[in-house]
Amino acid sequence: MSYSFTGRLWRWQGEAPASWIFVTLPGDIAFEIKCQVADRRAWGSVAVEARIGATAWHTSLFPEKAAGSYLLPIKASVRKTENLGDGDEATIELTVKG
């Protein structure tokens, strides 16, 4: 399963300052993935290959119950290479793995 979408990067707001940056998947894509994978991994995570621009990486999507979606973590090295920061929009290609 492969998807392409544009999303806004946002910084995790916890009790302490965090360096974690995420993109929330659009609801329709999250729903389709949820129906296909049916919690095959711990904590409902889903293995994916993601791409922004020329940069690809392997990671996991993590369920976000409040929005009924998934969160895609955007690694610091990806943000640096693609010149992205908190609040920027990015076009993301996503392939769900096995």
PDB file of N, CA and C in Angstrom:
ATOM      1  N   MET A   1       0.845  -1.171   0.000  1.00  0.00           N
ATOM      2  CA  MET A   1       0.000   0.000   0.000  1.00  0.00           C
ATOM      3  C   MET A   1       0.893   1.237   0.000  1.00  0.00           C
ATOM      4  N   SER A   2       0.648   2.112  -0.943  1.00  0.00           N
ATOM      5  CA  SER A   2       1.408   3.354  -1.028  1.00  0.00           C
ATOM      6  C   SER A   2       0.464   4.540  -1.059  1.00  0.00           C
ATOM      7  N   TYR A   3       0.905   5.627  -0.466  1.00  0.00           N
ATOM      8  CA  TYR A   3       0.082   6.837  -0.347  1.00  0.00           C
ATOM      9  C   TYR A   3       0.961   8.061  -0.554  1.00  0.00           C
ATOM     10  N   SER A   4       0.338   9.148  -0.975  1.00  0.00           N
ATOM     11  CA  SER A   4       1.005  10.432  -1.074  1.00  0.00           C
ATOM     12  C   SER A   4       0.055  11.488  -0.516  1.00  0.00           C
ATOM     13  N   PHE A   5       0.586  12.379   0.319  1.00  0.00           N
ATOM     14  CA  PHE A   5      -0.243  13.429   0.912  1.00  0.00           C
ATOM     15  C   PHE A   5       0.650  14.578   1.355  1.00  0.00           C
ATOM     16  N   THR A   6       0.049  15.705   1.606  1.00  0.00           N
ATOM     17  CA  THR A   6       0.752  16.863   2.148  1.00  0.00           C
ATOM     18  C   THR A   6       0.296  17.071   3.578  1.00  0.00           C
ATOM     19  N   GLY A   7       1.256  17.257   4.474  1.00  0.00           N
ATOM     20  CA  GLY A   7       0.932  17.448   5.881  1.00  0.00           C
ATOM     21  C   GLY A   7       1.827  18.499   6.509  1.00  0.00           C
ATOM     22  N   ARG A   8       1.357  19.040   7.619  1.00  0.00           N
ATOM     23  CA  ARG A   8       2.111  20.061   8.359  1.00  0.00           C
ATOM     24  C   ARG A   8       2.903  19.407   9.489  1.00  0.00           C
ATOM     25  N   LEU A   9       4.175  19.748   9.597  1.00  0.00           N
ATOM     26  CA  LEU A   9       5.026  19.253  10.680  1.00  0.00           C
ATOM     27  C   LEU A   9       4.681  19.997  11.964  1.00  0.00           C
ATOM     28  N   TRP A  10       4.636  19.258  13.071  1.00  0.00           N
ATOM     29  CA  TRP A  10       4.348  19.876  14.365  1.00  0.00           C
ATOM     30  C   TRP A  10       5.186  19.223  15.459  1.00  0.00           C
ATOM     31  N   ARG A  11       5.510  20.020  16.458  1.00  0.00           N
ATOM     32  CA  ARG A  11       6.365  19.583  17.562  1.00  0.00           C
ATOM     33  C   ARG A  11       5.503  19.033  18.700  1.00  0.00           C
ATOM     34  N   TRP A  12       5.928  17.887  19.235  1.00  0.00           N
ATOM     35  CA  TRP A  12       5.251  17.262  20.373  1.00  0.00           C
ATOM     36  C   TRP A  12       5.290  18.209  21.556  1.00  0.00           C
ATOM     37  N   GLN A  13       4.154  18.445  22.165  1.00  0.00           N
ATOM     38  CA  GLN A  13       4.061  19.338  23.323  1.00  0.00           C
ATOM     39  C   GLN A  13       3.766  18.508  24.567  1.00  0.00           C
ATOM     40  N   GLY A  14       4.806  18.110  25.264  1.00  0.00           N
ATOM     41  CA  GLY A  14       4.652  17.347  26.493  1.00  0.00           C
ATOM     42  C   GLY A  14       4.990  18.209  27.688  1.00  0.00           C
ATOM     43  N   GLU A  15       5.238  17.570  28.799  1.00  0.00           N
ATOM     44  CA  GLU A  15       5.574  18.298  30.023  1.00  0.00           C
ATOM     45  C   GLU A  15       6.930  18.995  29.923  1.00  0.00           C
ATOM     46  N   ALA A  16       7.851  18.409  29.203  1.00  0.00           N
ATOM     47  CA  ALA A  16       9.165  19.006  29.009  1.00  0.00           C
ATOM     48  C   ALA A  16       9.335  19.334  27.525  1.00  0.00           C
ATOM     49  N   PRO A  17      10.186  20.290  27.204  1.00  0.00           N
ATOM     50  CA  PRO A  17      10.422  20.591  25.782  1.00  0.00           C
ATOM     51  C   PRO A  17      10.882  19.334  25.046  1.00  0.00           C
ATOM     52  N   ALA A  18      10.355  19.127  23.873  1.00  0.00           N
ATOM     53  CA  ALA A  18      10.663  17.907  23.126  1.00  0.00           C
ATOM     54  C   ALA A  18      11.216  18.252  21.755  1.00  0.00           C
ATOM     55  N   SER A  19      12.003  17.345  21.238  1.00  0.00           N
ATOM     56  CA  SER A  19      12.542  17.536  19.898  1.00  0.00           C
ATOM     57  C   SER A  19      11.807  16.678  18.878  1.00  0.00           C
ATOM     58  N   TRP A  20      10.780  15.958  19.316  1.00  0.00           N
ATOM     59  CA  TRP A  20      10.045  15.095  18.409  1.00  0.00           C
ATOM     60  C   TRP A  20       9.136  15.931  17.511  1.00  0.00           C
ATOM     61  N   ILE A  21       9.265  15.714  16.202  1.00  0.00           N
ATOM     62  CA  ILE A  21       8.438  16.390  15.203  1.00  0.00           C
ATOM     63  C   ILE A  21       7.656  15.307  14.461  1.00  0.00           C
ATOM     64  N   PHE A  22       6.373  15.562  14.255  1.00  0.00           N
ATOM     65  CA  PHE A  22       5.485  14.596  13.608  1.00  0.00           C
ATOM     66  C   PHE A  22       4.673  15.248  12.496  1.00  0.00           C
ATOM     67  N   VAL A  23       4.083  14.393  11.677  1.00  0.00           N
ATOM     68  CA  VAL A  23       3.006  14.762  10.760  1.00  0.00           C
ATOM     69  C   VAL A  23       1.851  13.816  11.076  1.00  0.00           C
ATOM     70  N   THR A  24       0.654  14.354  11.177  1.00  0.00           N
ATOM     71  CA  THR A  24      -0.541  13.535  11.380  1.00  0.00           C
ATOM     72  C   THR A  24      -1.086  13.145  10.022  1.00  0.00           C
ATOM     73  N   LEU A  25      -1.314  11.853   9.825  1.00  0.00           N
ATOM     74  CA  LEU A  25      -1.852  11.394   8.551  1.00  0.00           C
ATOM     75  C   LEU A  25      -3.285  11.872   8.357  1.00  0.00           C
ATOM     76  N   PRO A  26      -3.671  12.141   7.112  1.00  0.00           N
ATOM     77  CA  PRO A  26      -5.075  12.467   6.837  1.00  0.00           C
ATOM     78  C   PRO A  26      -5.972  11.310   7.271  1.00  0.00           C
ATOM     79  N   GLY A  27      -7.170  11.637   7.719  1.00  0.00           N
ATOM     80  CA  GLY A  27      -8.087  10.635   8.254  1.00  0.00           C
ATOM     81  C   GLY A  27      -8.408   9.492   7.315  1.00  0.00           C
ATOM     82  N   ASP A  28      -8.613   9.787   6.027  1.00  0.00           N
ATOM     83  CA  ASP A  28      -8.977   8.725   5.086  1.00  0.00           C
ATOM     84  C   ASP A  28      -7.833   7.736   4.891  1.00  0.00           C
ATOM     85  N   ILE A  29      -6.611   8.232   4.839  1.00  0.00           N
ATOM     86  CA  ILE A  29      -5.453   7.346   4.683  1.00  0.00           C
ATOM     87  C   ILE A  29      -5.255   6.527   5.961  1.00  0.00           C
ATOM     88  N   ALA A  30      -5.364   7.167   7.116  1.00  0.00           N
ATOM     89  CA  ALA A  30      -5.219   6.452   8.387  1.00  0.00           C
ATOM     90  C   ALA A  30      -6.253   5.340   8.512  1.00  0.00           C
ATOM     91  N   PHE A  31      -7.490   5.630   8.130  1.00  0.00           N
ATOM     92  CA  PHE A  31      -8.555   4.631   8.213  1.00  0.00           C
ATOM     93  C   PHE A  31      -8.247   3.428   7.311  1.00  0.00           C
ATOM     94  N   GLU A  32      -7.795   3.699   6.093  1.00  0.00           N
ATOM     95  CA  GLU A  32      -7.476   2.608   5.164  1.00  0.00           C
ATOM     96  C   GLU A  32      -6.335   1.751   5.702  1.00  0.00           C
ATOM     97  N   ILE A  33      -5.303   2.390   6.228  1.00  0.00           N
ATOM     98  CA  ILE A  33      -4.177   1.636   6.799  1.00  0.00           C
ATOM     99  C   ILE A  33      -4.657   0.809   7.989  1.00  0.00           C
ATOM    100  N   LYS A  34      -5.444   1.414   8.864  1.00  0.00           N
ATOM    101  CA  LYS A  34      -5.948   0.711  10.046  1.00  0.00           C
ATOM    102  C   LYS A  34      -6.747  -0.530   9.655  1.00  0.00           C
ATOM    103  N   CYS A  35      -7.553  -0.417   8.618  1.00  0.00           N
ATOM    104  CA  CYS A  35      -8.356  -1.561   8.152  1.00  0.00           C
ATOM    105  C   CYS A  35      -7.481  -2.664   7.562  1.00  0.00           C
ATOM    106  N   GLN A  36      -6.379  -2.295   6.938  1.00  0.00           N
ATOM    107  CA  GLN A  36      -5.515  -3.272   6.280  1.00  0.00           C
ATOM    108  C   GLN A  36      -4.566  -3.987   7.242  1.00  0.00           C
ATOM    109  N   VAL A  37      -4.036  -3.269   8.235  1.00  0.00           N
ATOM    110  CA  VAL A  37      -2.995  -3.871   9.070  1.00  0.00           C
ATOM    111  C   VAL A  37      -3.507  -4.484  10.363  1.00  0.00           C
ATOM    112  N   ALA A  38      -4.590  -4.003  10.897  1.00  0.00           N
ATOM    113  CA  ALA A  38      -5.257  -4.589  12.070  1.00  0.00           C
ATOM    114  C   ALA A  38      -4.310  -4.926  13.225  1.00  0.00           C
ATOM    115  N   ASP A  39      -3.543  -3.935  13.683  1.00  0.00           N
ATOM    116  CA  ASP A  39      -2.712  -4.073  14.890  1.00  0.00           C
ATOM    117  C   ASP A  39      -1.802  -5.304  14.878  1.00  0.00           C
ATOM    118  N   ARG A  40      -0.970  -5.417  13.865  1.00  0.00           N
ATOM    119  CA  ARG A  40      -0.061  -6.552  13.788  1.00  0.00           C
ATOM    120  C   ARG A  40       1.199  -6.383  14.609  1.00  0.00           C
ATOM    121  N   ARG A  41       1.496  -5.143  15.084  1.00  0.00           N
ATOM    122  CA  ARG A  41       2.719  -4.899  15.840  1.00  0.00           C
ATOM    123  C   ARG A  41       2.385  -4.305  17.197  1.00  0.00           C
ATOM    124  N   ALA A  42       3.401  -4.256  18.031  1.00  0.00           N
ATOM    125  CA  ALA A  42       3.231  -3.712  19.383  1.00  0.00           C
ATOM    126  C   ALA A  42       2.694  -2.295  19.350  1.00  0.00           C
ATOM    127  N   TRP A  43       1.830  -1.973  20.276  1.00  0.00           N
ATOM    128  CA  TRP A  43       1.244  -0.650  20.456  1.00  0.00           C
ATOM    129  C   TRP A  43       0.484  -0.166  19.231  1.00  0.00           C
ATOM    130  N   GLY A  44       0.170  -1.057  18.302  1.00  0.00           N
ATOM    131  CA  GLY A  44      -0.560  -0.659  17.102  1.00  0.00           C
ATOM    132  C   GLY A  44       0.289   0.070  16.084  1.00  0.00           C
ATOM    133  N   SER A  45       1.617   0.008  16.230  1.00  0.00           N
ATOM    134  CA  SER A  45       2.491   0.682  15.274  1.00  0.00           C
ATOM    135  C   SER A  45       2.479  -0.040  13.932  1.00  0.00           C
ATOM    136  N   VAL A  46       2.843   0.699  12.890  1.00  0.00           N
ATOM    137  CA  VAL A  46       2.819   0.162  11.530  1.00  0.00           C
ATOM    138  C   VAL A  46       4.149   0.501  10.866  1.00  0.00           C
ATOM    139  N   ALA A  47       4.875  -0.514  10.387  1.00  0.00           N
ATOM    140  CA  ALA A  47       6.159  -0.297   9.712  1.00  0.00           C
ATOM    141  C   ALA A  47       5.923   0.338   8.347  1.00  0.00           C
ATOM    142  N   VAL A  48       6.701   1.386   8.050  1.00  0.00           N
ATOM    143  CA  VAL A  48       6.557   2.090   6.778  1.00  0.00           C
ATOM    144  C   VAL A  48       7.924   2.520   6.252  1.00  0.00           C
ATOM    145  N   GLU A  49       7.954   2.803   4.961  1.00  0.00           N
ATOM    146  CA  GLU A  49       9.040   3.559   4.361  1.00  0.00           C
ATOM    147  C   GLU A  49       8.439   4.899   3.973  1.00  0.00           C
ATOM    148  N   ALA A  50       9.078   5.970   4.390  1.00  0.00           N
ATOM    149  CA  ALA A  50       8.582   7.315   4.103  1.00  0.00           C
ATOM    150  C   ALA A  50       9.592   8.045   3.231  1.00  0.00           C
ATOM    151  N   ARG A  51       9.091   9.008   2.460  1.00  0.00           N
ATOM    152  CA  ARG A  51       9.959   9.824   1.609  1.00  0.00           C
ATOM    153  C   ARG A  51       9.431  11.246   1.606  1.00  0.00           C
ATOM    154  N   ILE A  52      10.348  12.194   1.800  1.00  0.00           N
ATOM    155  CA  ILE A  52      10.082  13.608   1.592  1.00  0.00           C
ATOM    156  C   ILE A  52      11.175  14.086   0.646  1.00  0.00           C
ATOM    157  N   GLY A  53      10.796  14.607  -0.491  1.00  0.00           N
ATOM    158  CA  GLY A  53      11.783  15.039  -1.480  1.00  0.00           C
ATOM    159  C   GLY A  53      12.672  13.883  -1.882  1.00  0.00           C
ATOM    160  N   ALA A  54      13.990  14.070  -1.772  1.00  0.00           N
ATOM    161  CA  ALA A  54      14.944  13.028  -2.155  1.00  0.00           C
ATOM    162  C   ALA A  54      15.335  12.129  -0.986  1.00  0.00           C
ATOM    163  N   THR A  55      14.736  12.359   0.187  1.00  0.00           N
ATOM    164  CA  THR A  55      15.142  11.643   1.399  1.00  0.00           C
ATOM    165  C   THR A  55      14.122  10.579   1.782  1.00  0.00           C
ATOM    166  N   ALA A  56      14.590   9.335   1.871  1.00  0.00           N
ATOM    167  CA  ALA A  56      13.733   8.214   2.276  1.00  0.00           C
ATOM    168  C   ALA A  56      14.283   7.620   3.569  1.00  0.00           C
ATOM    169  N   TRP A  57      13.376   7.095   4.399  1.00  0.00           N
ATOM    170  CA  TRP A  57      13.797   6.450   5.644  1.00  0.00           C
ATOM    171  C   TRP A  57      12.743   5.433   6.067  1.00  0.00           C
ATOM    172  N   HIS A  58      13.177   4.483   6.905  1.00  0.00           N
ATOM    173  CA  HIS A  58      12.286   3.472   7.467  1.00  0.00           C
ATOM    174  C   HIS A  58      11.922   3.903   8.883  1.00  0.00           C
ATOM    175  N   THR A  59      10.652   3.768   9.221  1.00  0.00           N
ATOM    176  CA  THR A  59      10.173   4.166  10.536  1.00  0.00           C
ATOM    177  C   THR A  59       8.872   3.431  10.813  1.00  0.00           C
ATOM    178  N   SER A  60       8.173   3.861  11.823  1.00  0.00           N
ATOM    179  CA  SER A  60       6.853   3.311  12.145  1.00  0.00           C
ATOM    180  C   SER A  60       5.863   4.443  12.327  1.00  0.00           C
ATOM    181  N   LEU A  61       4.628   4.177  11.953  1.00  0.00           N
ATOM    182  CA  LEU A  61       3.515   5.066  12.290  1.00  0.00           C
ATOM    183  C   LEU A  61       3.044   4.661  13.679  1.00  0.00           C
ATOM    184  N   PHE A  62       2.591   5.639  14.455  1.00  0.00           N
ATOM    185  CA  PHE A  62       2.078   5.356  15.785  1.00  0.00           C
ATOM    186  C   PHE A  62       0.647   5.849  15.893  1.00  0.00           C
ATOM    187  N   PRO A  63      -0.242   5.024  16.458  1.00  0.00           N
ATOM    188  CA  PRO A  63      -1.646   5.436  16.551  1.00  0.00           C
ATOM    189  C   PRO A  63      -1.808   6.671  17.440  1.00  0.00           C
ATOM    190  N   GLU A  64      -2.710   7.534  17.020  1.00  0.00           N
ATOM    191  CA  GLU A  64      -3.037   8.739  17.782  1.00  0.00           C
ATOM    192  C   GLU A  64      -4.538   8.681  18.032  1.00  0.00           C
ATOM    193  N   LYS A  65      -4.912   8.245  19.206  1.00  0.00           N
ATOM    194  CA  LYS A  65      -6.312   7.934  19.496  1.00  0.00           C
ATOM    195  C   LYS A  65      -7.226   9.150  19.465  1.00  0.00           C
ATOM    196  N   ALA A  66      -6.761  10.299  19.948  1.00  0.00           N
ATOM    197  CA  ALA A  66      -7.627  11.479  20.017  1.00  0.00           C
ATOM    198  C   ALA A  66      -8.135  11.877  18.636  1.00  0.00           C
ATOM    199  N   ALA A  67      -7.266  11.815  17.626  1.00  0.00           N
ATOM    200  CA  ALA A  67      -7.660  12.191  16.264  1.00  0.00           C
ATOM    201  C   ALA A  67      -8.101  10.983  15.447  1.00  0.00           C
ATOM    202  N   GLY A  68      -7.920   9.777  15.988  1.00  0.00           N
ATOM    203  CA  GLY A  68      -8.262   8.571  15.239  1.00  0.00           C
ATOM    204  C   GLY A  68      -7.383   8.409  14.017  1.00  0.00           C
ATOM    205  N   SER A  69      -6.121   8.779  14.135  1.00  0.00           N
ATOM    206  CA  SER A  69      -5.209   8.757  13.002  1.00  0.00           C
ATOM    207  C   SER A  69      -3.900   8.087  13.407  1.00  0.00           C
ATOM    208  N   TYR A  70      -2.871   8.317  12.618  1.00  0.00           N
ATOM    209  CA  TYR A  70      -1.518   7.869  12.916  1.00  0.00           C
ATOM    210  C   TYR A  70      -0.594   9.070  12.876  1.00  0.00           C
ATOM    211  N   LEU A  71       0.505   8.968  13.635  1.00  0.00           N
ATOM    212  CA  LEU A  71       1.548   9.981  13.622  1.00  0.00           C
ATOM    213  C   LEU A  71       2.771   9.417  12.924  1.00  0.00           C
ATOM    214  N   LEU A  72       3.353  10.219  12.033  1.00  0.00           N
ATOM    215  CA  LEU A  72       4.588   9.869  11.353  1.00  0.00           C
ATOM    216  C   LEU A  72       5.712  10.718  11.932  1.00  0.00           C
ATOM    217  N   PRO A  73       6.689  10.099  12.624  1.00  0.00           N
ATOM    218  CA  PRO A  73       7.811  10.874  13.139  1.00  0.00           C
ATOM    219  C   PRO A  73       8.740  11.285  11.989  1.00  0.00           C
ATOM    220  N   ILE A  74       9.164  12.550  12.011  1.00  0.00           N
ATOM    221  CA  ILE A  74      10.062  13.067  10.978  1.00  0.00           C
ATOM    222  C   ILE A  74      11.441  13.244  11.620  1.00  0.00           C
ATOM    223  N   LYS A  75      12.384  12.401  11.240  1.00  0.00           N
ATOM    224  CA  LYS A  75      13.716  12.403  11.839  1.00  0.00           C
ATOM    225  C   LYS A  75      14.424  13.744  11.632  1.00  0.00           C
ATOM    226  N   ALA A  76      15.276  14.097  12.591  1.00  0.00           N
ATOM    227  CA  ALA A  76      16.049  15.341  12.502  1.00  0.00           C
ATOM    228  C   ALA A  76      16.892  15.382  11.231  1.00  0.00           C
ATOM    229  N   SER A  77      17.480  14.257  10.857  1.00  0.00           N
ATOM    230  CA  SER A  77      18.324  14.234   9.653  1.00  0.00           C
ATOM    231  C   SER A  77      17.497  14.513   8.394  1.00  0.00           C
ATOM    232  N   VAL A  78      16.265  14.043   8.366  1.00  0.00           N
ATOM    233  CA  VAL A  78      15.374  14.308   7.231  1.00  0.00           C
ATOM    234  C   VAL A  78      15.016  15.793   7.197  1.00  0.00           C
ATOM    235  N   ARG A  79      14.654  16.338   8.357  1.00  0.00           N
ATOM    236  CA  ARG A  79      14.300  17.761   8.426  1.00  0.00           C
ATOM    237  C   ARG A  79      15.462  18.644   7.980  1.00  0.00           C
ATOM    238  N   LYS A  80      16.664  18.284   8.405  1.00  0.00           N
ATOM    239  CA  LYS A  80      17.840  19.073   8.037  1.00  0.00           C
ATOM    240  C   LYS A  80      18.101  18.981   6.534  1.00  0.00           C
ATOM    241  N   THR A  81      18.100  17.779   5.995  1.00  0.00           N
ATOM    242  CA  THR A  81      18.373  17.584   4.573  1.00  0.00           C
ATOM    243  C   THR A  81      17.336  18.285   3.700  1.00  0.00           C
ATOM    244  N   GLU A  82      16.075  18.217   4.098  1.00  0.00           N
ATOM    245  CA  GLU A  82      14.990  18.784   3.293  1.00  0.00           C
ATOM    246  C   GLU A  82      14.627  20.215   3.713  1.00  0.00           C
ATOM    247  N   ASN A  83      15.413  20.776   4.660  1.00  0.00           N
ATOM    248  CA  ASN A  83      15.223  22.158   5.114  1.00  0.00           C
ATOM    249  C   ASN A  83      13.796  22.401   5.615  1.00  0.00           C
ATOM    250  N   LEU A  84      13.367  21.556   6.561  1.00  0.00           N
ATOM    251  CA  LEU A  84      12.018  21.634   7.114  1.00  0.00           C
ATOM    252  C   LEU A  84      12.067  21.880   8.612  1.00  0.00           C
ATOM    253  N   GLY A  85      11.065  22.570   9.115  1.00  0.00           N
ATOM    254  CA  GLY A  85      10.964  22.800  10.545  1.00  0.00           C
ATOM    255  C   GLY A  85       9.527  22.755  11.009  1.00  0.00           C
ATOM    256  N   ASP A  86       9.352  22.927  12.295  1.00  0.00           N
ATOM    257  CA  ASP A  86       8.032  22.939  12.918  1.00  0.00           C
ATOM    258  C   ASP A  86       7.129  23.946  12.193  1.00  0.00           C
ATOM    259  N   GLY A  87       5.957  23.487  11.762  1.00  0.00           N
ATOM    260  CA  GLY A  87       4.995  24.348  11.085  1.00  0.00           C
ATOM    261  C   GLY A  87       5.074  24.312   9.572  1.00  0.00           C
ATOM    262  N   ASP A  88       6.151  23.766   9.006  1.00  0.00           N
ATOM    263  CA  ASP A  88       6.271  23.679   7.549  1.00  0.00           C
ATOM    264  C   ASP A  88       5.380  22.566   7.004  1.00  0.00           C
ATOM    265  N   GLU A  89       4.988  22.702   5.746  1.00  0.00           N
ATOM    266  CA  GLU A  89       4.249  21.641   5.059  1.00  0.00           C
ATOM    267  C   GLU A  89       5.207  20.851   4.189  1.00  0.00           C
ATOM    268  N   ALA A  90       4.934  19.549   4.065  1.00  0.00           N
ATOM    269  CA  ALA A  90       5.756  18.679   3.235  1.00  0.00           C
ATOM    270  C   ALA A  90       4.864  17.685   2.515  1.00  0.00           C
ATOM    271  N   THR A  91       5.256  17.329   1.307  1.00  0.00           N
ATOM    272  CA  THR A  91       4.594  16.255   0.580  1.00  0.00           C
ATOM    273  C   THR A  91       5.318  14.966   0.923  1.00  0.00           C
ATOM    274  N   ILE A  92       4.543  13.999   1.378  1.00  0.00           N
ATOM    275  CA  ILE A  92       5.088  12.754   1.904  1.00  0.00           C
ATOM    276  C   ILE A  92       4.585  11.589   1.076  1.00  0.00           C
ATOM    277  N   GLU A  93       5.525  10.719   0.709  1.00  0.00           N
ATOM    278  CA  GLU A  93       5.179   9.443   0.082  1.00  0.00           C
ATOM    279  C   GLU A  93       5.386   8.385   1.147  1.00  0.00           C
ATOM    280  N   LEU A  94       4.422   7.494   1.274  1.00  0.00           N
ATOM    281  CA  LEU A  94       4.429   6.532   2.357  1.00  0.00           C
ATOM    282  C   LEU A  94       4.087   5.155   1.800  1.00  0.00           C
ATOM    283  N   THR A  95       4.919   4.160   2.130  1.00  0.00           N
ATOM    284  CA  THR A  95       4.664   2.779   1.723  1.00  0.00           C
ATOM    285  C   THR A  95       4.591   1.922   2.980  1.00  0.00           C
ATOM    286  N   VAL A  96       3.469   1.248   3.178  1.00  0.00           N
ATOM    287  CA  VAL A  96       3.300   0.350   4.323  1.00  0.00           C
ATOM    288  C   VAL A  96       4.046  -0.933   4.016  1.00  0.00           C
ATOM    289  N   LYS A  97       4.837  -1.399   4.991  1.00  0.00           N
ATOM    290  CA  LYS A  97       5.646  -2.605   4.835  1.00  0.00           C
ATOM    291  C   LYS A  97       4.956  -3.814   5.439  1.00  0.00           C
ATOM    292  N   GLY A  98       5.204  -4.975   4.806  1.00  0.00           N
ATOM    293  CA  GLY A  98       4.777  -6.269   5.196  1.00  0.00           C
ATOM    294  C   GLY A  98       3.782  -6.389   6.245  1.00  0.00           C
TER     295      GLY A  98
END
